[in-house]
Amino acid sequence: MSARIAVLGGGAWGTALAVMLARDDNDVGFFARNEEMVRAINERHENPAYLPGIRLDPRLTATTSLDAALAGADCIVSVAPAQAFRDLARQLDGRIGDAPVVNCAKGIERDTGKRLSQVLAEVLPNNPAACLSGPSFATDVARGLPTAVTVAAGDETLASDLARMLSAPTFRCYSTDDLVGVEIGGALKNVLAIAAGAVTGAGLGASAQAAIVTRGFVELRRLAASYGARPETLMGLSGLGDLILTCGSAQSRNFAYGLALGRGDDRSGLKLAEGVATADIASRLAADLGVEAPITDAVARMLTGELTIARAMDELLSRPLKAEHQ
C-alpha cells in the first residue's frame, strides 16, 4: 500500500531512504536545502556530493520547499542530524497536523541529555514519536541491496503500522514498542565505533578491536538497562546488529573518524560522525546513573585531547580484574 511520506534531509541516508521509498511506488516529498543538489537529483538522478556513482530512481524528485515536501504527508521521516533535530521539529510546528515523526538520526541531544523522542515530545506533543534504526549503510539501501532495520514507537500498533509503511521489497522493517532501547542502542554504538576505529588506526590488532567491541557492548547494555530498555532489543538489529556493522567497516563515518583519531590524522575535513557529539553526554549520563562505562568515557576524553589512545589502553588494561559478567 503506497503512502505519502515526507523525507527531510538531503544527505546520504536521507537520499537513500527517499529513493528506496520512491522505488516502492510511494508518493515521496523529499526536502533538501541545497539547490544544486536538488537540481542534480531532479535532472541527472544522482546525488554526487553524498552518493557518488549511484544512479537514483527517476521517480524520486526533490524540493527546497519544506511546505511542498510536507503537503499531505501521512508520515514524516526526519534524517536531520541529532544535534539539529530540535530546530527541525520547531520548523514542523503547525505544518504537519498529527502525523507521526520517524527519527532516523542516532544520537542524544548534547545540551540536555535527552533522547530525540523526548525532544519531539517537548516541541511537538501532538505528534507521535518513532525511530528507525539498525545495520544499514546508505549506499546499500540506495542500490536496493537487502537490508533489515527496526522501527520503534511507544505504541505497538503504531510501530507495526509504520514498519509496514516503510518496508519495501529489499528493505525489511521489524517493529517494537521498546523505543528507549532502540534509541539508546543506536546512539551508543556510534561511540563504540569510534573506539573500534581508534584501536584499528593505532595498529593495536584484531584481538584488541574484538575486546573493545565486546566490552563496549556490555556498557551499551548496562546504560540501556538503566533507562528501562529490554535486553532482547539490544541483542537485535538496532543494538548488536548495528554495532557489528558500524564497528567493522571504514564505510561507517564513526569508525572512519576513530581510524583517523587512532592514526593521529587531521580530522577537520571528515564527514559528520554522530558519535563525536554523543560521546561526552553519554559519558556524563553514565556517571550520573552510576553505570560503569570506561570505554565510553575514554572515547569522550580522547576526543577532547585529554587522553591518547595509548594512555586509554593502559587505563583500560590496568582496571581491577573481575568476573566477566560483572
C-alpha atoms as a PDB file:
ATOM      1  CA  MET A   1       0.000   0.000   0.000  1.00  0.00           C
ATOM      2  CA  SER A   2       1.559   3.301  -1.092  1.00  0.00           C
ATOM      3  CA  ALA A   3       1.593   6.343   1.171  1.00  0.00           C
ATOM      4  CA  ARG A   4       2.529   9.999   1.108  1.00  0.00           C
ATOM      5  CA  ILE A   5       5.831  10.186   3.007  1.00  0.00           C
ATOM      6  CA  ALA A   6       7.916  13.304   3.622  1.00  0.00           C
ATOM      7  CA  VAL A   7      11.667  12.659   3.886  1.00  0.00           C
ATOM      8  CA  LEU A   8      13.550  15.601   5.357  1.00  0.00           C
ATOM      9  CA  GLY A   9      17.304  15.700   4.792  1.00  0.00           C
ATOM     10  CA  GLY A  10      19.365  15.547   1.605  1.00  0.00           C
ATOM     11  CA  GLY A  11      22.441  13.723   2.887  1.00  0.00           C
ATOM     12  CA  ALA A  12      23.397  10.154   2.046  1.00  0.00           C
ATOM     13  CA  TRP A  13      20.934   8.475   4.414  1.00  0.00           C
ATOM     14  CA  GLY A  14      18.049  10.800   3.572  1.00  0.00           C
ATOM     15  CA  THR A  15      18.594  10.305  -0.146  1.00  0.00           C
ATOM     16  CA  ALA A  16      18.865   6.527   0.252  1.00  0.00           C
ATOM     17  CA  LEU A  17      15.619   6.310   2.213  1.00  0.00           C
ATOM     18  CA  ALA A  18      13.825   8.622  -0.215  1.00  0.00           C
ATOM     19  CA  VAL A  19      14.866   6.685  -3.287  1.00  0.00           C
ATOM     20  CA  MET A  20      14.020   3.367  -1.631  1.00  0.00           C
ATOM     21  CA  LEU A  21      10.519   4.621  -0.783  1.00  0.00           C
ATOM     22  CA  ALA A  22      10.003   6.141  -4.239  1.00  0.00           C
ATOM     23  CA  ARG A  23      11.148   2.908  -5.855  1.00  0.00           C
ATOM     24  CA  ASP A  24       8.377   1.157  -3.926  1.00  0.00           C
ATOM     25  CA  ASP A  25       5.780   3.489  -5.546  1.00  0.00           C
ATOM     26  CA  ASN A  26       5.212   5.723  -2.531  1.00  0.00           C
ATOM     27  CA  ASP A  27       4.490   9.414  -3.038  1.00  0.00           C
ATOM     28  CA  VAL A  28       7.660  10.919  -1.575  1.00  0.00           C
ATOM     29  CA  GLY A  29       8.087  14.566  -0.666  1.00  0.00           C
ATOM     30  CA  PHE A  30      11.871  14.868  -0.465  1.00  0.00           C
ATOM     31  CA  PHE A  31      13.238  18.026   1.127  1.00  0.00           C
ATOM     32  CA  ALA A  32      16.855  19.171   0.797  1.00  0.00           C
ATOM     33  CA  ARG A  33      18.239  22.657   1.435  1.00  0.00           C
ATOM     34  CA  ASN A  34      20.935  22.705  -1.228  1.00  0.00           C
ATOM     35  CA  GLU A  35      19.600  23.961  -4.570  1.00  0.00           C
ATOM     36  CA  GLU A  36      22.446  22.470  -6.605  1.00  0.00           C
ATOM     37  CA  MET A  37      21.853  19.078  -5.004  1.00  0.00           C
ATOM     38  CA  VAL A  38      18.133  19.268  -5.745  1.00  0.00           C
ATOM     39  CA  ARG A  39      18.851  20.063  -9.409  1.00  0.00           C
ATOM     40  CA  ALA A  40      21.242  17.112  -9.649  1.00  0.00           C
ATOM     41  CA  ILE A  41      18.644  14.748  -8.190  1.00  0.00           C
ATOM     42  CA  ASN A  42      15.827  16.009 -10.415  1.00  0.00           C
ATOM     43  CA  GLU A  43      17.747  16.464 -13.669  1.00  0.00           C
ATOM     44  CA  ARG A  44      20.577  13.912 -13.544  1.00  0.00           C
ATOM     45  CA  HIS A  45      19.125  11.468 -10.996  1.00  0.00           C
ATOM     46  CA  GLU A  46      22.192  11.487  -8.809  1.00  0.00           C
ATOM     47  CA  ASN A  47      23.463  12.977  -5.572  1.00  0.00           C
ATOM     48  CA  PRO A  48      27.160  13.386  -6.357  1.00  0.00           C
ATOM     49  CA  ALA A  49      28.001  15.034  -3.035  1.00  0.00           C
ATOM     50  CA  TYR A  50      26.774  12.140  -0.879  1.00  0.00           C
ATOM     51  CA  LEU A  51      26.153   9.095  -3.094  1.00  0.00           C
ATOM     52  CA  PRO A  52      28.638   9.413  -5.954  1.00  0.00           C
ATOM     53  CA  GLY A  53      28.336   6.841  -8.698  1.00  0.00           C
ATOM     54  CA  ILE A  54      24.839   5.684  -7.702  1.00  0.00           C
ATOM     55  CA  ARG A  55      22.052   6.372 -10.186  1.00  0.00           C
ATOM     56  CA  LEU A  56      18.811   7.249  -8.426  1.00  0.00           C
ATOM     57  CA  ASP A  57      15.381   6.066  -9.479  1.00  0.00           C
ATOM     58  CA  PRO A  58      13.892   8.775 -11.755  1.00  0.00           C
ATOM     59  CA  ARG A  59      10.626   8.559  -9.790  1.00  0.00           C
ATOM     60  CA  LEU A  60      12.376  10.437  -6.974  1.00  0.00           C
ATOM     61  CA  THR A  61      12.183  14.213  -7.134  1.00  0.00           C
ATOM     62  CA  ALA A  62      13.473  16.682  -4.554  1.00  0.00           C
ATOM     63  CA  THR A  63      12.460  20.172  -3.480  1.00  0.00           C
ATOM     64  CA  THR A  64      13.915  23.038  -1.473  1.00  0.00           C
ATOM     65  CA  SER A  65      10.407  23.904  -0.241  1.00  0.00           C
ATOM     66  CA  LEU A  66       9.681  22.401   3.149  1.00  0.00           C
ATOM     67  CA  ASP A  67       5.952  23.080   2.746  1.00  0.00           C
ATOM     68  CA  ALA A  68       5.866  21.290  -0.607  1.00  0.00           C
ATOM     69  CA  ALA A  69       7.599  18.239   0.853  1.00  0.00           C
ATOM     70  CA  LEU A  70       5.244  18.129   3.849  1.00  0.00           C
ATOM     71  CA  ALA A  71       1.983  18.687   1.958  1.00  0.00           C
ATOM     72  CA  GLY A  72      -0.467  15.867   2.699  1.00  0.00           C
ATOM     73  CA  ALA A  73       2.144  13.657   4.352  1.00  0.00           C
ATOM     74  CA  ASP A  74       0.918  10.586   6.249  1.00  0.00           C
ATOM     75  CA  CYS A  75       4.319  10.249   7.890  1.00  0.00           C
ATOM     76  CA  ILE A  76       7.356  12.455   8.428  1.00  0.00           C
ATOM     77  CA  VAL A  77      10.788  10.819   8.143  1.00  0.00           C
ATOM     78  CA  SER A  78      13.417  13.070   9.702  1.00  0.00           C
ATOM     79  CA  VAL A  79      17.019  12.491   8.695  1.00  0.00           C
ATOM     80  CA  ALA A  80      18.398  15.653  10.297  1.00  0.00           C
ATOM     81  CA  PRO A  81      21.500  15.148  12.480  1.00  0.00           C
ATOM     82  CA  ALA A  82      20.712  14.531  16.138  1.00  0.00           C
ATOM     83  CA  GLN A  83      22.014  17.926  17.262  1.00  0.00           C
ATOM     84  CA  ALA A  84      19.841  19.702  14.665  1.00  0.00           C
ATOM     85  CA  PHE A  85      16.680  17.732  15.402  1.00  0.00           C
ATOM     86  CA  ARG A  86      15.171  20.226  17.844  1.00  0.00           C
ATOM     87  CA  ASP A  87      15.468  23.045  15.308  1.00  0.00           C
ATOM     88  CA  LEU A  88      13.816  20.930  12.613  1.00  0.00           C
ATOM     89  CA  ALA A  89      10.998  19.940  14.970  1.00  0.00           C
ATOM     90  CA  ARG A  90      10.337  23.620  15.655  1.00  0.00           C
ATOM     91  CA  GLN A  91      10.035  24.235  11.923  1.00  0.00           C
ATOM     92  CA  LEU A  92       7.424  21.473  11.690  1.00  0.00           C
ATOM     93  CA  ASP A  93       5.186  23.051  14.319  1.00  0.00           C
ATOM     94  CA  GLY A  94       1.811  23.889  12.776  1.00  0.00           C
ATOM     95  CA  ARG A  95       2.664  22.256   9.442  1.00  0.00           C
ATOM     96  CA  ILE A  96       2.111  18.507   9.884  1.00  0.00           C
ATOM     97  CA  GLY A  97      -1.172  18.015  11.757  1.00  0.00           C
ATOM     98  CA  ASP A  98      -0.907  14.908  13.932  1.00  0.00           C
ATOM     99  CA  ALA A  99       1.330  12.912  11.568  1.00  0.00           C
ATOM    100  CA  PRO A 100       3.890  10.639  13.261  1.00  0.00           C
ATOM    101  CA  VAL A 101       7.534  11.688  13.069  1.00  0.00           C
ATOM    102  CA  VAL A 102      10.070   8.910  12.457  1.00  0.00           C
ATOM    103  CA  ASN A 103      13.558   9.977  13.503  1.00  0.00           C
ATOM    104  CA  CYS A 104      16.424   8.331  11.634  1.00  0.00           C
ATOM    105  CA  ALA A 105      19.350  10.027  13.392  1.00  0.00           C
ATOM    106  CA  LYS A 106      21.296   8.170  16.071  1.00  0.00           C
ATOM    107  CA  GLY A 107      22.293  10.361  18.961  1.00  0.00           C
ATOM    108  CA  ILE A 108      21.482  12.044  22.254  1.00  0.00           C
ATOM    109  CA  GLU A 109      20.932  15.787  22.481  1.00  0.00           C
ATOM    110  CA  ARG A 110      24.250  17.085  23.786  1.00  0.00           C
ATOM    111  CA  ASP A 111      22.968  20.091  25.742  1.00  0.00           C
ATOM    112  CA  THR A 112      20.119  18.338  27.552  1.00  0.00           C
ATOM    113  CA  GLY A 113      20.940  14.617  27.591  1.00  0.00           C
ATOM    114  CA  LYS A 114      17.509  13.909  26.110  1.00  0.00           C
ATOM    115  CA  ARG A 115      16.668  11.187  23.664  1.00  0.00           C
ATOM    116  CA  LEU A 116      15.272  12.529  20.403  1.00  0.00           C
ATOM    117  CA  SER A 117      11.795  11.198  21.108  1.00  0.00           C
ATOM    118  CA  GLN A 118      11.836  13.282  24.289  1.00  0.00           C
ATOM    119  CA  VAL A 119      12.852  16.330  22.277  1.00  0.00           C
ATOM    120  CA  LEU A 120       9.938  15.721  19.909  1.00  0.00           C
ATOM    121  CA  ALA A 121       7.519  15.333  22.832  1.00  0.00           C
ATOM    122  CA  GLU A 122       8.614  18.743  24.108  1.00  0.00           C
ATOM    123  CA  VAL A 123       8.350  20.569  20.796  1.00  0.00           C
ATOM    124  CA  LEU A 124       5.509  18.675  19.080  1.00  0.00           C
ATOM    125  CA  PRO A 125       3.487  16.965  21.827  1.00  0.00           C
ATOM    126  CA  ASN A 126       0.641  16.064  19.461  1.00  0.00           C
ATOM    127  CA  ASN A 127       2.837  14.131  17.028  1.00  0.00           C
ATOM    128  CA  PRO A 128       3.686  10.515  17.891  1.00  0.00           C
ATOM    129  CA  ALA A 129       7.422   9.838  18.019  1.00  0.00           C
ATOM    130  CA  ALA A 130       9.037   6.867  16.313  1.00  0.00           C
ATOM    131  CA  CYS A 131      12.575   5.796  15.436  1.00  0.00           C
ATOM    132  CA  LEU A 132      14.124   3.841  12.578  1.00  0.00           C
ATOM    133  CA  SER A 133      17.466   2.225  13.364  1.00  0.00           C
ATOM    134  CA  GLY A 134      19.562  -0.809  12.521  1.00  0.00           C
ATOM    135  CA  PRO A 135      22.513  -2.084  10.488  1.00  0.00           C
ATOM    136  CA  SER A 136      22.207  -0.126   7.268  1.00  0.00           C
ATOM    137  CA  PHE A 137      24.671   1.691   5.042  1.00  0.00           C
ATOM    138  CA  ALA A 138      23.157   4.360   2.814  1.00  0.00           C
ATOM    139  CA  THR A 139      24.933   3.062  -0.274  1.00  0.00           C
ATOM    140  CA  ASP A 140      23.444  -0.423   0.188  1.00  0.00           C
ATOM    141  CA  VAL A 141      19.908   0.931   0.606  1.00  0.00           C
ATOM    142  CA  ALA A 142      20.258   3.294  -2.349  1.00  0.00           C
ATOM    143  CA  ARG A 143      21.421   0.416  -4.553  1.00  0.00           C
ATOM    144  CA  GLY A 144      18.494  -1.741  -3.473  1.00  0.00           C
ATOM    145  CA  LEU A 145      20.617  -4.290  -1.610  1.00  0.00           C
ATOM    146  CA  PRO A 146      18.887  -6.368   1.101  1.00  0.00           C
ATOM    147  CA  THR A 147      18.666  -4.544   4.436  1.00  0.00           C
ATOM    148  CA  ALA A 148      16.770  -5.118   7.690  1.00  0.00           C
ATOM    149  CA  VAL A 149      16.099  -2.472  10.347  1.00  0.00           C
ATOM    150  CA  THR A 150      13.883  -1.839  13.354  1.00  0.00           C
ATOM    151  CA  VAL A 151      11.064   0.696  13.603  1.00  0.00           C
ATOM    152  CA  ALA A 152      10.181   1.604  17.178  1.00  0.00           C
ATOM    153  CA  ALA A 153       7.371   3.580  18.763  1.00  0.00           C
ATOM    154  CA  GLY A 154       5.935   3.677  22.249  1.00  0.00           C
ATOM    155  CA  ASP A 155       2.660   2.329  20.861  1.00  0.00           C
ATOM    156  CA  GLU A 156       2.986  -1.182  19.460  1.00  0.00           C
ATOM    157  CA  THR A 157       0.233  -0.699  16.864  1.00  0.00           C
ATOM    158  CA  LEU A 158       1.840   2.489  15.560  1.00  0.00           C
ATOM    159  CA  ALA A 159       5.229   0.777  15.341  1.00  0.00           C
ATOM    160  CA  SER A 160       3.714  -2.074  13.350  1.00  0.00           C
ATOM    161  CA  ASP A 161       1.836   0.296  11.027  1.00  0.00           C
ATOM    162  CA  LEU A 162       4.949   2.350  10.368  1.00  0.00           C
ATOM    163  CA  ALA A 163       7.041  -0.770   9.764  1.00  0.00           C
ATOM    164  CA  ARG A 164       4.586  -1.830   7.059  1.00  0.00           C
ATOM    165  CA  MET A 165       4.512   1.663   5.557  1.00  0.00           C
ATOM    166  CA  LEU A 166       8.303   1.966   5.379  1.00  0.00           C
ATOM    167  CA  SER A 167       9.096  -1.572   4.265  1.00  0.00           C
ATOM    168  CA  ALA A 168       9.997  -2.330   0.654  1.00  0.00           C
ATOM    169  CA  PRO A 169      10.981  -5.492  -1.235  1.00  0.00           C
ATOM    170  CA  THR A 170      14.651  -5.126  -0.251  1.00  0.00           C
ATOM    171  CA  PHE A 171      14.137  -3.085   2.938  1.00  0.00           C
ATOM    172  CA  ARG A 172      12.568  -5.118   5.722  1.00  0.00           C
ATOM    173  CA  CYS A 173      11.328  -3.299   8.830  1.00  0.00           C
ATOM    174  CA  TYR A 174      10.732  -5.134  12.089  1.00  0.00           C
ATOM    175  CA  SER A 175       8.662  -3.372  14.759  1.00  0.00           C
ATOM    176  CA  THR A 176       8.985  -2.923  18.515  1.00  0.00           C
ATOM    177  CA  ASP A 177       7.451  -0.777  21.233  1.00  0.00           C
ATOM    178  CA  ASP A 178      10.827  -0.507  23.013  1.00  0.00           C
ATOM    179  CA  LEU A 179      11.558   2.996  21.764  1.00  0.00           C
ATOM    180  CA  VAL A 180      14.056   3.642  24.564  1.00  0.00           C
ATOM    181  CA  GLY A 181      16.120   0.560  23.742  1.00  0.00           C
ATOM    182  CA  VAL A 182      16.285   1.348  20.027  1.00  0.00           C
ATOM    183  CA  GLU A 183      17.273   4.971  20.631  1.00  0.00           C
ATOM    184  CA  ILE A 184      19.957   4.180  23.210  1.00  0.00           C
ATOM    185  CA  GLY A 185      21.364   1.315  21.128  1.00  0.00           C
ATOM    186  CA  GLY A 186      21.661   3.493  18.045  1.00  0.00           C
ATOM    187  CA  ALA A 187      23.280   6.377  19.889  1.00  0.00           C
ATOM    188  CA  LEU A 188      25.863   4.433  21.894  1.00  0.00           C
ATOM    189  CA  LYS A 189      27.010   2.136  19.110  1.00  0.00           C
ATOM    190  CA  ASN A 190      28.361   5.230  17.333  1.00  0.00           C
ATOM    191  CA  VAL A 191      30.603   5.992  20.308  1.00  0.00           C
ATOM    192  CA  LEU A 192      31.833   2.407  20.379  1.00  0.00           C
ATOM    193  CA  ALA A 193      32.537   2.534  16.636  1.00  0.00           C
ATOM    194  CA  ILE A 194      34.898   5.447  17.276  1.00  0.00           C
ATOM    195  CA  ALA A 195      36.658   3.313  19.898  1.00  0.00           C
ATOM    196  CA  ALA A 196      36.940   0.368  17.492  1.00  0.00           C
ATOM    197  CA  GLY A 197      38.279   2.625  14.761  1.00  0.00           C
ATOM    198  CA  ALA A 198      40.825   4.186  17.091  1.00  0.00           C
ATOM    199  CA  VAL A 199      42.147   0.784  18.127  1.00  0.00           C
ATOM    200  CA  THR A 200      42.453  -0.236  14.486  1.00  0.00           C
ATOM    201  CA  GLY A 201      44.020   3.069  13.471  1.00  0.00           C
ATOM    202  CA  ALA A 202      46.606   2.760  16.223  1.00  0.00           C
ATOM    203  CA  GLY A 203      47.561  -0.693  14.940  1.00  0.00           C
ATOM    204  CA  LEU A 204      46.684  -2.481  18.177  1.00  0.00           C
ATOM    205  CA  GLY A 205      45.445  -5.601  16.421  1.00  0.00           C
ATOM    206  CA  ALA A 206      42.256  -7.523  15.741  1.00  0.00           C
ATOM    207  CA  SER A 207      42.216  -9.057  19.228  1.00  0.00           C
ATOM    208  CA  ALA A 208      42.132  -5.623  20.856  1.00  0.00           C
ATOM    209  CA  GLN A 209      39.391  -4.495  18.489  1.00  0.00           C
ATOM    210  CA  ALA A 210      37.271  -7.541  19.328  1.00  0.00           C
ATOM    211  CA  ALA A 211      37.761  -6.925  23.044  1.00  0.00           C
ATOM    212  CA  ILE A 212      36.805  -3.254  22.753  1.00  0.00           C
ATOM    213  CA  VAL A 213      33.632  -4.033  20.797  1.00  0.00           C
ATOM    214  CA  THR A 214      32.579  -6.841  23.133  1.00  0.00           C
ATOM    215  CA  ARG A 215      33.225  -4.959  26.369  1.00  0.00           C
ATOM    216  CA  GLY A 216      31.718  -1.847  24.819  1.00  0.00           C
ATOM    217  CA  PHE A 217      28.555  -3.802  24.155  1.00  0.00           C
ATOM    218  CA  VAL A 218      28.417  -4.598  27.874  1.00  0.00           C
ATOM    219  CA  GLU A 219      28.469  -0.845  28.562  1.00  0.00           C
ATOM    220  CA  LEU A 220      25.749  -0.255  25.994  1.00  0.00           C
ATOM    221  CA  ARG A 221      23.501  -2.860  27.625  1.00  0.00           C
ATOM    222  CA  ARG A 222      24.166  -1.506  31.121  1.00  0.00           C
ATOM    223  CA  LEU A 223      23.275   2.045  30.203  1.00  0.00           C
ATOM    224  CA  ALA A 224      20.233   0.997  28.174  1.00  0.00           C
ATOM    225  CA  ALA A 225      19.003  -1.136  31.084  1.00  0.00           C
ATOM    226  CA  SER A 226      19.242   1.859  33.397  1.00  0.00           C
ATOM    227  CA  TYR A 227      16.726   3.582  31.104  1.00  0.00           C
ATOM    228  CA  GLY A 228      14.389   0.593  31.193  1.00  0.00           C
ATOM    229  CA  ALA A 229      15.284  -0.881  27.799  1.00  0.00           C
ATOM    230  CA  ARG A 230      14.593  -4.567  27.252  1.00  0.00           C
ATOM    231  CA  PRO A 231      17.640  -6.872  26.883  1.00  0.00           C
ATOM    232  CA  GLU A 232      16.253  -8.527  23.758  1.00  0.00           C
ATOM    233  CA  THR A 233      16.110  -5.169  21.989  1.00  0.00           C
ATOM    234  CA  LEU A 234      19.849  -4.678  22.471  1.00  0.00           C
ATOM    235  CA  MET A 235      20.502  -8.171  21.143  1.00  0.00           C
ATOM    236  CA  GLY A 236      18.577  -7.330  17.982  1.00  0.00           C
ATOM    237  CA  LEU A 237      19.099  -5.306  14.827  1.00  0.00           C
ATOM    238  CA  SER A 238      19.183  -1.884  16.480  1.00  0.00           C
ATOM    239  CA  GLY A 239      21.729  -2.987  19.094  1.00  0.00           C
ATOM    240  CA  LEU A 240      24.112  -5.830  18.358  1.00  0.00           C
ATOM    241  CA  GLY A 241      23.334  -5.873  14.639  1.00  0.00           C
ATOM    242  CA  ASP A 242      24.132  -2.188  14.167  1.00  0.00           C
ATOM    243  CA  LEU A 243      27.206  -2.485  16.389  1.00  0.00           C
ATOM    244  CA  ILE A 244      28.639  -5.308  14.259  1.00  0.00           C
ATOM    245  CA  LEU A 245      28.182  -3.327  11.050  1.00  0.00           C
ATOM    246  CA  THR A 246      29.431   0.009  12.377  1.00  0.00           C
ATOM    247  CA  CYS A 247      32.496  -1.309  14.195  1.00  0.00           C
ATOM    248  CA  GLY A 248      33.857  -3.288  11.284  1.00  0.00           C
ATOM    249  CA  SER A 249      33.967  -1.021   8.247  1.00  0.00           C
ATOM    250  CA  ALA A 250      35.535   2.287   7.254  1.00  0.00           C
ATOM    251  CA  GLN A 251      32.285   2.889   5.358  1.00  0.00           C
ATOM    252  CA  SER A 252      30.947   3.868   8.795  1.00  0.00           C
ATOM    253  CA  ARG A 253      31.626   7.550   9.459  1.00  0.00           C
ATOM    254  CA  ASN A 254      32.156   6.864  13.152  1.00  0.00           C
ATOM    255  CA  PHE A 255      34.626   4.051  12.524  1.00  0.00           C
ATOM    256  CA  ALA A 256      36.425   6.205   9.944  1.00  0.00           C
ATOM    257  CA  TYR A 257      36.617   9.041  12.477  1.00  0.00           C
ATOM    258  CA  GLY A 258      38.091   6.638  15.001  1.00  0.00           C
ATOM    259  CA  LEU A 259      40.630   5.426  12.444  1.00  0.00           C
ATOM    260  CA  ALA A 260      41.820   8.993  11.935  1.00  0.00           C
ATOM    261  CA  LEU A 261      41.893   9.528  15.694  1.00  0.00           C
ATOM    262  CA  GLY A 262      43.987   6.411  16.266  1.00  0.00           C
ATOM    263  CA  ARG A 263      46.423   7.342  13.483  1.00  0.00           C
ATOM    264  CA  GLY A 264      46.747  10.910  14.694  1.00  0.00           C
ATOM    265  CA  ASP A 265      45.444  12.264  11.362  1.00  0.00           C
ATOM    266  CA  ASP A 266      43.756  15.617  10.805  1.00  0.00           C
ATOM    267  CA  ARG A 267      40.020  15.098  11.358  1.00  0.00           C
ATOM    268  CA  SER A 268      38.773  18.557  10.424  1.00  0.00           C
ATOM    269  CA  GLY A 269      37.639  17.573   6.921  1.00  0.00           C
ATOM    270  CA  LEU A 270      35.818  14.376   7.841  1.00  0.00           C
ATOM    271  CA  LYS A 271      32.073  13.984   7.339  1.00  0.00           C
ATOM    272  CA  LEU A 272      29.739  14.292  10.309  1.00  0.00           C
ATOM    273  CA  ALA A 273      30.104  11.427  12.799  1.00  0.00           C
ATOM    274  CA  GLU A 274      27.220  11.449  15.278  1.00  0.00           C
ATOM    275  CA  GLY A 275      29.299   9.650  17.915  1.00  0.00           C
ATOM    276  CA  VAL A 276      31.560  12.683  18.313  1.00  0.00           C
ATOM    277  CA  ALA A 277      28.721  14.747  19.755  1.00  0.00           C
ATOM    278  CA  THR A 278      27.254  11.808  21.690  1.00  0.00           C
ATOM    279  CA  ALA A 279      30.405  10.599  23.476  1.00  0.00           C
ATOM    280  CA  ASP A 280      30.655  13.319  26.109  1.00  0.00           C
ATOM    281  CA  ILE A 281      26.974  13.376  27.026  1.00  0.00           C
ATOM    282  CA  ALA A 282      26.858   9.549  27.114  1.00  0.00           C
ATOM    283  CA  SER A 283      29.836   9.522  29.484  1.00  0.00           C
ATOM    284  CA  ARG A 284      28.202  12.112  31.737  1.00  0.00           C
ATOM    285  CA  LEU A 285      24.868  10.282  31.742  1.00  0.00           C
ATOM    286  CA  ALA A 286      26.579   7.024  32.670  1.00  0.00           C
ATOM    287  CA  ALA A 287      28.347   8.735  35.570  1.00  0.00           C
ATOM    288  CA  ASP A 288      25.103  10.338  36.763  1.00  0.00           C
ATOM    289  CA  LEU A 289      23.336   6.976  36.673  1.00  0.00           C
ATOM    290  CA  GLY A 290      26.178   5.128  38.369  1.00  0.00           C
ATOM    291  CA  VAL A 291      26.822   2.952  35.312  1.00  0.00           C
ATOM    292  CA  GLU A 292      30.379   1.794  34.670  1.00  0.00           C
ATOM    293  CA  ALA A 293      31.311   2.860  31.138  1.00  0.00           C
ATOM    294  CA  PRO A 294      35.128   3.113  30.933  1.00  0.00           C
ATOM    295  CA  ILE A 295      35.300   2.728  27.142  1.00  0.00           C
ATOM    296  CA  THR A 296      32.677   5.403  26.530  1.00  0.00           C
ATOM    297  CA  ASP A 297      34.490   7.676  28.974  1.00  0.00           C
ATOM    298  CA  ALA A 298      37.827   7.019  27.267  1.00  0.00           C
ATOM    299  CA  VAL A 299      36.369   7.975  23.869  1.00  0.00           C
ATOM    300  CA  ALA A 300      34.992  11.213  25.289  1.00  0.00           C
ATOM    301  CA  ARG A 301      38.384  12.099  26.754  1.00  0.00           C
ATOM    302  CA  MET A 302      40.274  11.157  23.585  1.00  0.00           C
ATOM    303  CA  LEU A 303      38.028  13.427  21.540  1.00  0.00           C
ATOM    304  CA  THR A 304      38.891  16.397  23.750  1.00  0.00           C
ATOM    305  CA  GLY A 305      42.604  15.584  23.602  1.00  0.00           C
ATOM    306  CA  GLU A 306      42.729  14.798  27.320  1.00  0.00           C
ATOM    307  CA  LEU A 307      43.728  11.204  26.616  1.00  0.00           C
ATOM    308  CA  THR A 308      45.848   9.480  23.968  1.00  0.00           C
ATOM    309  CA  ILE A 309      44.903   6.100  22.537  1.00  0.00           C
ATOM    310  CA  ALA A 310      47.997   4.576  24.178  1.00  0.00           C
ATOM    311  CA  ARG A 311      47.103   6.001  27.578  1.00  0.00           C
ATOM    312  CA  ALA A 312      43.477   4.930  27.136  1.00  0.00           C
ATOM    313  CA  MET A 313      44.541   1.328  26.558  1.00  0.00           C
ATOM    314  CA  ASP A 314      46.843   1.466  29.585  1.00  0.00           C
ATOM    315  CA  GLU A 315      43.970   2.662  31.761  1.00  0.00           C
ATOM    316  CA  LEU A 316      41.560   0.034  30.450  1.00  0.00           C
ATOM    317  CA  LEU A 317      44.050  -2.810  30.840  1.00  0.00           C
ATOM    318  CA  SER A 318      45.025  -1.789  34.364  1.00  0.00           C
ATOM    319  CA  ARG A 319      41.472  -1.780  35.705  1.00  0.00           C
ATOM    320  CA  PRO A 320      40.861  -4.253  38.571  1.00  0.00           C
ATOM    321  CA  LEU A 321      40.226  -7.817  37.422  1.00  0.00           C
ATOM    322  CA  LYS A 322      36.716  -9.160  37.933  1.00  0.00           C
ATOM    323  CA  ALA A 323      34.296 -11.798  36.695  1.00  0.00           C
ATOM    324  CA  GLU A 324      33.263 -11.245  33.076  1.00  0.00           C
ATOM    325  CA  HIS A 325      29.532 -10.992  33.819  1.00  0.00           C
ATOM    326  CA  GLN A 326      30.053  -8.109  36.274  1.00  0.00           C
END
